[in-house]
């Protein structure tokens, strides 16, 4: 069964930080955005393995993000 999780990426001094909205414990950093994406996918796979070994329920996923404009 395939699930979809929503990642967010933030520019930081050392490159990028990636984190899953649906599963905030899955977080990583990379020098480039592409490296950060790859590392986030790897961290997600590892977290899934750890949760299954511990008999924990996986988060559902499928968060929806929306940018909301505002005048400042």
PDB file of N, CA and C in Angstrom:
ATOM      1  N   UNK A   1       0.854  -1.171   0.000  1.00  0.00           N
ATOM      2  CA  UNK A   1       0.000   0.000   0.000  1.00  0.00           C
ATOM      3  C   UNK A   1       0.905   1.241   0.000  1.00  0.00           C
ATOM      4  N   UNK A   2       0.612   2.177  -0.856  1.00  0.00           N
ATOM      5  CA  UNK A   2       1.376   3.426  -0.934  1.00  0.00           C
ATOM      6  C   UNK A   2       0.681   4.509  -0.114  1.00  0.00           C
ATOM      7  N   UNK A   3       1.489   5.288   0.568  1.00  0.00           N
ATOM      8  CA  UNK A   3       0.988   6.445   1.313  1.00  0.00           C
ATOM      9  C   UNK A   3       1.734   7.674   0.827  1.00  0.00           C
ATOM     10  N   UNK A   4       1.131   8.812   1.021  1.00  0.00           N
ATOM     11  CA  UNK A   4       1.743  10.075   0.638  1.00  0.00           C
ATOM     12  C   UNK A   4       1.901  10.943   1.869  1.00  0.00           C
ATOM     13  N   UNK A   5       3.113  11.467   2.055  1.00  0.00           N
ATOM     14  CA  UNK A   5       3.391  12.373   3.163  1.00  0.00           C
ATOM     15  C   UNK A   5       3.838  13.713   2.584  1.00  0.00           C
ATOM     16  N   UNK A   6       3.540  14.787   3.301  1.00  0.00           N
ATOM     17  CA  UNK A   6       3.835  16.139   2.838  1.00  0.00           C
ATOM     18  C   UNK A   6       5.110  16.645   3.494  1.00  0.00           C
ATOM     19  N   UNK A   7       6.090  16.988   2.659  1.00  0.00           N
ATOM     20  CA  UNK A   7       7.353  17.515   3.156  1.00  0.00           C
ATOM     21  C   UNK A   7       7.412  19.026   3.015  1.00  0.00           C
ATOM     22  N   UNK A   8       8.108  19.650   3.952  1.00  0.00           N
ATOM     23  CA  UNK A   8       8.382  21.083   3.869  1.00  0.00           C
ATOM     24  C   UNK A   8       9.892  21.261   3.897  1.00  0.00           C
ATOM     25  N   UNK A   9      10.359  22.279   3.207  1.00  0.00           N
ATOM     26  CA  UNK A   9      11.785  22.550   3.113  1.00  0.00           C
ATOM     27  C   UNK A   9      12.031  24.008   3.478  1.00  0.00           C
ATOM     28  N   UNK A  10      13.016  24.215   4.340  1.00  0.00           N
ATOM     29  CA  UNK A  10      13.355  25.545   4.807  1.00  0.00           C
ATOM     30  C   UNK A  10      14.826  25.799   4.516  1.00  0.00           C
ATOM     31  N   UNK A  11      15.118  26.941   3.911  1.00  0.00           N
ATOM     32  CA  UNK A  11      16.501  27.323   3.654  1.00  0.00           C
ATOM     33  C   UNK A  11      17.148  27.696   4.984  1.00  0.00           C
ATOM     34  N   UNK A  12      18.293  27.085   5.281  1.00  0.00           N
ATOM     35  CA  UNK A  12      19.046  27.370   6.492  1.00  0.00           C
ATOM     36  C   UNK A  12      20.486  27.676   6.086  1.00  0.00           C
ATOM     37  N   UNK A  13      21.295  28.237   6.983  1.00  0.00           N
ATOM     38  CA  UNK A  13      22.664  28.608   6.611  1.00  0.00           C
ATOM     39  C   UNK A  13      23.495  27.466   6.010  1.00  0.00           C
ATOM     40  N   UNK A  14      23.299  26.243   6.464  1.00  0.00           N
ATOM     41  CA  UNK A  14      24.080  25.110   5.958  1.00  0.00           C
ATOM     42  C   UNK A  14      23.463  24.435   4.738  1.00  0.00           C
ATOM     43  N   UNK A  15      22.309  24.900   4.268  1.00  0.00           N
ATOM     44  CA  UNK A  15      21.640  24.299   3.110  1.00  0.00           C
ATOM     45  C   UNK A  15      20.135  24.318   3.279  1.00  0.00           C
ATOM     46  N   UNK A  16      19.534  23.127   3.453  1.00  0.00           N
ATOM     47  CA  UNK A  16      18.086  23.007   3.609  1.00  0.00           C
ATOM     48  C   UNK A  16      17.753  22.040   4.736  1.00  0.00           C
ATOM     49  N   UNK A  17      16.665  22.341   5.426  1.00  0.00           N
ATOM     50  CA  UNK A  17      16.107  21.435   6.420  1.00  0.00           C
ATOM     51  C   UNK A  17      14.791  20.917   5.851  1.00  0.00           C
ATOM     52  N   UNK A  18      14.588  19.618   5.906  1.00  0.00           N
ATOM     53  CA  UNK A  18      13.343  19.010   5.444  1.00  0.00           C
ATOM     54  C   UNK A  18      12.635  18.331   6.594  1.00  0.00           C
ATOM     55  N   UNK A  19      11.312  18.432   6.604  1.00  0.00           N
ATOM     56  CA  UNK A  19      10.512  17.824   7.664  1.00  0.00           C
ATOM     57  C   UNK A  19       9.165  17.420   7.089  1.00  0.00           C
ATOM     58  N   UNK A  20       8.592  16.360   7.625  1.00  0.00           N
ATOM     59  CA  UNK A  20       7.266  15.937   7.196  1.00  0.00           C
ATOM     60  C   UNK A  20       6.202  16.613   8.043  1.00  0.00           C
ATOM     61  N   UNK A  21       5.217  17.189   7.406  1.00  0.00           N
ATOM     62  CA  UNK A  21       4.105  17.842   8.098  1.00  0.00           C
ATOM     63  C   UNK A  21       3.305  16.804   8.876  1.00  0.00           C
ATOM     64  N   UNK A  22       3.062  15.675   8.242  1.00  0.00           N
ATOM     65  CA  UNK A  22       2.220  14.625   8.819  1.00  0.00           C
ATOM     66  C   UNK A  22       2.937  13.818   9.895  1.00  0.00           C
ATOM     67  N   UNK A  23       4.277  13.940   9.936  1.00  0.00           N
ATOM     68  CA  UNK A  23       5.075  13.116  10.831  1.00  0.00           C
ATOM     69  C   UNK A  23       6.297  13.939  11.249  1.00  0.00           C
ATOM     70  N   UNK A  24       6.120  14.898  12.147  1.00  0.00           N
ATOM     71  CA  UNK A  24       7.158  15.877  12.480  1.00  0.00           C
ATOM     72  C   UNK A  24       8.469  15.279  12.997  1.00  0.00           C
ATOM     73  N   UNK A  25       8.439  14.046  13.493  1.00  0.00           N
ATOM     74  CA  UNK A  25       9.675  13.412  13.955  1.00  0.00           C
ATOM     75  C   UNK A  25      10.635  13.097  12.813  1.00  0.00           C
ATOM     76  N   UNK A  26      10.122  13.059  11.587  1.00  0.00           N
ATOM     77  CA  UNK A  26      10.961  12.780  10.420  1.00  0.00           C
ATOM     78  C   UNK A  26      11.506  14.116   9.926  1.00  0.00           C
ATOM     79  N   UNK A  27      12.773  14.362  10.232  1.00  0.00           N
ATOM     80  CA  UNK A  27      13.409  15.637   9.909  1.00  0.00           C
ATOM     81  C   UNK A  27      14.867  15.376   9.532  1.00  0.00           C
ATOM     82  N   UNK A  28      15.398  16.142   8.599  1.00  0.00           N
ATOM     83  CA  UNK A  28      16.777  15.969   8.171  1.00  0.00           C
ATOM     84  C   UNK A  28      17.287  17.257   7.543  1.00  0.00           C
ATOM     85  N   UNK A  29      18.556  17.263   7.186  1.00  0.00           N
ATOM     86  CA  UNK A  29      19.163  18.412   6.522  1.00  0.00           C
ATOM     87  C   UNK A  29      20.018  17.932   5.357  1.00  0.00           C
ATOM     88  N   UNK A  30      20.166  18.810   4.364  1.00  0.00           N
ATOM     89  CA  UNK A  30      21.040  18.535   3.228  1.00  0.00           C
ATOM     90  C   UNK A  30      21.631  19.820   2.698  1.00  0.00           C
ATOM     91  N   UNK A  31      22.767  19.706   2.020  1.00  0.00           N
ATOM     92  CA  UNK A  31      23.422  20.907   1.482  1.00  0.00           C
ATOM     93  C   UNK A  31      22.627  21.514   0.335  1.00  0.00           C
ATOM     94  N   UNK A  32      21.986  20.651  -0.456  1.00  0.00           N
ATOM     95  CA  UNK A  32      21.154  21.128  -1.565  1.00  0.00           C
ATOM     96  C   UNK A  32      19.724  20.659  -1.332  1.00  0.00           C
ATOM     97  N   UNK A  33      18.792  21.278  -2.056  1.00  0.00           N
ATOM     98  CA  UNK A  33      17.393  20.872  -1.936  1.00  0.00           C
ATOM     99  C   UNK A  33      17.215  19.423  -2.372  1.00  0.00           C
ATOM    100  N   UNK A  34      17.864  19.034  -3.454  1.00  0.00           N
ATOM    101  CA  UNK A  34      17.740  17.655  -3.945  1.00  0.00           C
ATOM    102  C   UNK A  34      18.307  16.668  -2.927  1.00  0.00           C
ATOM    103  N   UNK A  35      19.447  16.993  -2.330  1.00  0.00           N
ATOM    104  CA  UNK A  35      20.030  16.124  -1.314  1.00  0.00           C
ATOM    105  C   UNK A  35      19.106  16.019  -0.106  1.00  0.00           C
ATOM    106  N   UNK A  36      18.513  17.127   0.276  1.00  0.00           N
ATOM    107  CA  UNK A  36      17.593  17.129   1.405  1.00  0.00           C
ATOM    108  C   UNK A  36      16.371  16.262   1.107  1.00  0.00           C
ATOM    109  N   UNK A  37      15.849  16.334  -0.101  1.00  0.00           N
ATOM    110  CA  UNK A  37      14.704  15.489  -0.483  1.00  0.00           C
ATOM    111  C   UNK A  37      15.054  14.012  -0.369  1.00  0.00           C
ATOM    112  N   UNK A  38      16.224  13.650  -0.905  1.00  0.00           N
ATOM    113  CA  UNK A  38      16.655  12.257  -0.858  1.00  0.00           C
ATOM    114  C   UNK A  38      16.832  11.786   0.580  1.00  0.00           C
ATOM    115  N   UNK A  39      17.427  12.636   1.412  1.00  0.00           N
ATOM    116  CA  UNK A  39      17.647  12.272   2.812  1.00  0.00           C
ATOM    117  C   UNK A  39      16.331  12.177   3.577  1.00  0.00           C
ATOM    118  N   UNK A  40      15.356  13.024   3.222  1.00  0.00           N
ATOM    119  CA  UNK A  40      14.049  12.962   3.871  1.00  0.00           C
ATOM    120  C   UNK A  40      13.331  11.668   3.502  1.00  0.00           C
ATOM    121  N   UNK A  41      13.427  11.259   2.247  1.00  0.00           N
ATOM    122  CA  UNK A  41      12.831   9.982   1.842  1.00  0.00           C
ATOM    123  C   UNK A  41      13.484   8.828   2.584  1.00  0.00           C
ATOM    124  N   UNK A  42      14.811   8.873   2.724  1.00  0.00           N
ATOM    125  CA  UNK A  42      15.525   7.827   3.444  1.00  0.00           C
ATOM    126  C   UNK A  42      15.126   7.812   4.919  1.00  0.00           C
ATOM    127  N   UNK A  43      15.037   8.998   5.531  1.00  0.00           N
ATOM    128  CA  UNK A  43      14.623   9.089   6.933  1.00  0.00           C
ATOM    129  C   UNK A  43      13.210   8.544   7.122  1.00  0.00           C
ATOM    130  N   UNK A  44      12.326   8.803   6.153  1.00  0.00           N
ATOM    131  CA  UNK A  44      10.958   8.286   6.214  1.00  0.00           C
ATOM    132  C   UNK A  44      10.958   6.760   6.153  1.00  0.00           C
ATOM    133  N   UNK A  45      11.733   6.202   5.234  1.00  0.00           N
ATOM    134  CA  UNK A  45      11.809   4.738   5.141  1.00  0.00           C
ATOM    135  C   UNK A  45      12.301   4.127   6.459  1.00  0.00           C
ATOM    136  N   UNK A  46      13.324   4.733   7.039  1.00  0.00           N
ATOM    137  CA  UNK A  46      13.872   4.234   8.302  1.00  0.00           C
ATOM    138  C   UNK A  46      12.855   4.347   9.433  1.00  0.00           C
ATOM    139  N   UNK A  47      12.100   5.434   9.460  1.00  0.00           N
ATOM    140  CA  UNK A  47      11.091   5.613  10.506  1.00  0.00           C
ATOM    141  C   UNK A  47       9.978   4.582  10.354  1.00  0.00           C
ATOM    142  N   UNK A  48       9.589   4.284   9.125  1.00  0.00           N
ATOM    143  CA  UNK A  48       8.572   3.258   8.879  1.00  0.00           C
ATOM    144  C   UNK A  48       9.047   1.906   9.410  1.00  0.00           C
ATOM    145  N   UNK A  49      10.296   1.554   9.133  1.00  0.00           N
ATOM    146  CA  UNK A  49      10.851   0.293   9.626  1.00  0.00           C
ATOM    147  C   UNK A  49      10.823   0.271  11.155  1.00  0.00           C
ATOM    148  N   UNK A  50      11.266   1.368  11.782  1.00  0.00           N
ATOM    149  CA  UNK A  50      11.295   1.433  13.241  1.00  0.00           C
ATOM    150  C   UNK A  50       9.895   1.309  13.838  1.00  0.00           C
ATOM    151  N   UNK A  51       8.915   2.004  13.249  1.00  0.00           N
ATOM    152  CA  UNK A  51       7.539   1.929  13.759  1.00  0.00           C
ATOM    153  C   UNK A  51       6.990   0.515  13.625  1.00  0.00           C
ATOM    154  N   UNK A  52       7.254  -0.129  12.503  1.00  0.00           N
ATOM    155  CA  UNK A  52       6.745  -1.495  12.303  1.00  0.00           C
ATOM    156  C   UNK A  52       7.387  -2.463  13.293  1.00  0.00           C
ATOM    157  N   UNK A  53       8.692  -2.294  13.535  1.00  0.00           N
ATOM    158  CA  UNK A  53       9.369  -3.166  14.501  1.00  0.00           C
ATOM    159  C   UNK A  53       8.795  -2.997  15.905  1.00  0.00           C
ATOM    160  N   UNK A  54       8.353  -1.791  16.228  1.00  0.00           N
ATOM    161  CA  UNK A  54       7.799  -1.509  17.542  1.00  0.00           C
ATOM    162  C   UNK A  54       6.293  -1.754  17.608  1.00  0.00           C
ATOM    163  N   UNK A  55       5.688  -2.130  16.489  1.00  0.00           N
ATOM    164  CA  UNK A  55       4.257  -2.388  16.449  1.00  0.00           C
ATOM    165  C   UNK A  55       3.411  -1.138  16.532  1.00  0.00           C
ATOM    166  N   UNK A  56       4.000   0.012  16.179  1.00  0.00           N
ATOM    167  CA  UNK A  56       3.265   1.280  16.223  1.00  0.00           C
ATOM    168  C   UNK A  56       2.502   1.516  14.930  1.00  0.00           C
ATOM    169  N   UNK A  57       1.408   2.241  15.041  1.00  0.00           N
ATOM    170  CA  UNK A  57       0.589   2.630  13.887  1.00  0.00           C
ATOM    171  C   UNK A  57       1.288   3.769  13.130  1.00  0.00           C
ATOM    172  N   UNK A  58       1.356   3.655  11.804  1.00  0.00           N
ATOM    173  CA  UNK A  58       1.947   4.721  10.990  1.00  0.00           C
ATOM    174  C   UNK A  58       0.975   5.886  10.873  1.00  0.00           C
ATOM    175  N   UNK A  59       1.484   7.127  10.899  1.00  0.00           N
ATOM    176  CA  UNK A  59       0.603   8.278  10.659  1.00  0.00           C
ATOM    177  C   UNK A  59      -0.076   8.153   9.296  1.00  0.00           C
ATOM    178  N   UNK A  60      -1.273   8.686   9.189  1.00  0.00           N
ATOM    179  CA  UNK A  60      -2.070   8.542   7.972  1.00  0.00           C
ATOM    180  C   UNK A  60      -1.460   9.275   6.790  1.00  0.00           C
ATOM    181  N   UNK A  61      -1.000  10.497   6.984  1.00  0.00           N
ATOM    182  CA  UNK A  61      -0.435  11.272   5.877  1.00  0.00           C
ATOM    183  C   UNK A  61      -1.512  12.032   5.125  1.00  0.00           C
ATOM    184  N   UNK A  62      -1.121  12.560   3.975  1.00  0.00           N
ATOM    185  CA  UNK A  62      -2.003  13.280   3.068  1.00  0.00           C
ATOM    186  C   UNK A  62      -2.415  14.653   3.604  1.00  0.00           C
ATOM    187  N   UNK A  63      -1.471  15.358   4.237  1.00  0.00           N
ATOM    188  CA  UNK A  63      -1.748  16.728   4.680  1.00  0.00           C
ATOM    189  C   UNK A  63      -1.922  17.628   3.465  1.00  0.00           C
ATOM    190  N   UNK A  64      -2.652  18.692   3.638  1.00  0.00           N
ATOM    191  CA  UNK A  64      -2.846  19.673   2.576  1.00  0.00           C
ATOM    192  C   UNK A  64      -2.274  20.990   3.068  1.00  0.00           C
ATOM    193  N   UNK A  65      -1.357  21.537   2.288  1.00  0.00           N
ATOM    194  CA  UNK A  65      -0.770  22.829   2.620  1.00  0.00           C
ATOM    195  C   UNK A  65      -1.330  23.888   1.688  1.00  0.00           C
ATOM    196  N   UNK A  66      -1.495  25.045   2.216  1.00  0.00           N
ATOM    197  CA  UNK A  66      -2.039  26.145   1.416  1.00  0.00           C
ATOM    198  C   UNK A  66      -1.319  27.430   1.812  1.00  0.00           C
ATOM    199  N   UNK A  67      -0.870  28.176   0.830  1.00  0.00           N
ATOM    200  CA  UNK A  67      -0.294  29.485   1.114  1.00  0.00           C
ATOM    201  C   UNK A  67      -1.422  30.500   1.154  1.00  0.00           C
ATOM    202  N   UNK A  68      -1.404  31.329   2.195  1.00  0.00           N
ATOM    203  CA  UNK A  68      -2.452  32.323   2.383  1.00  0.00           C
ATOM    204  C   UNK A  68      -1.853  33.712   2.288  1.00  0.00           C
ATOM    205  N   UNK A  69      -2.214  34.470   1.266  1.00  0.00           N
ATOM    206  CA  UNK A  69      -1.637  35.806   1.113  1.00  0.00           C
ATOM    207  C   UNK A  69      -2.255  36.795   2.113  1.00  0.00           C
ATOM    208  N   UNK A  70      -1.445  37.772   2.511  1.00  0.00           N
ATOM    209  CA  UNK A  70      -1.916  38.790   3.424  1.00  0.00           C
ATOM    210  C   UNK A  70      -1.147  40.085   3.129  1.00  0.00           C
ATOM    211  N   UNK A  71      -1.830  41.201   3.186  1.00  0.00           N
ATOM    212  CA  UNK A  71      -1.185  42.502   2.998  1.00  0.00           C
ATOM    213  C   UNK A  71      -0.485  42.896   4.278  1.00  0.00           C
ATOM    214  N   UNK A  72       0.768  43.315   4.176  1.00  0.00           N
ATOM    215  CA  UNK A  72       1.499  43.772   5.369  1.00  0.00           C
ATOM    216  C   UNK A  72       2.074  45.147   5.159  1.00  0.00           C
TER     217      UNK A  72
END
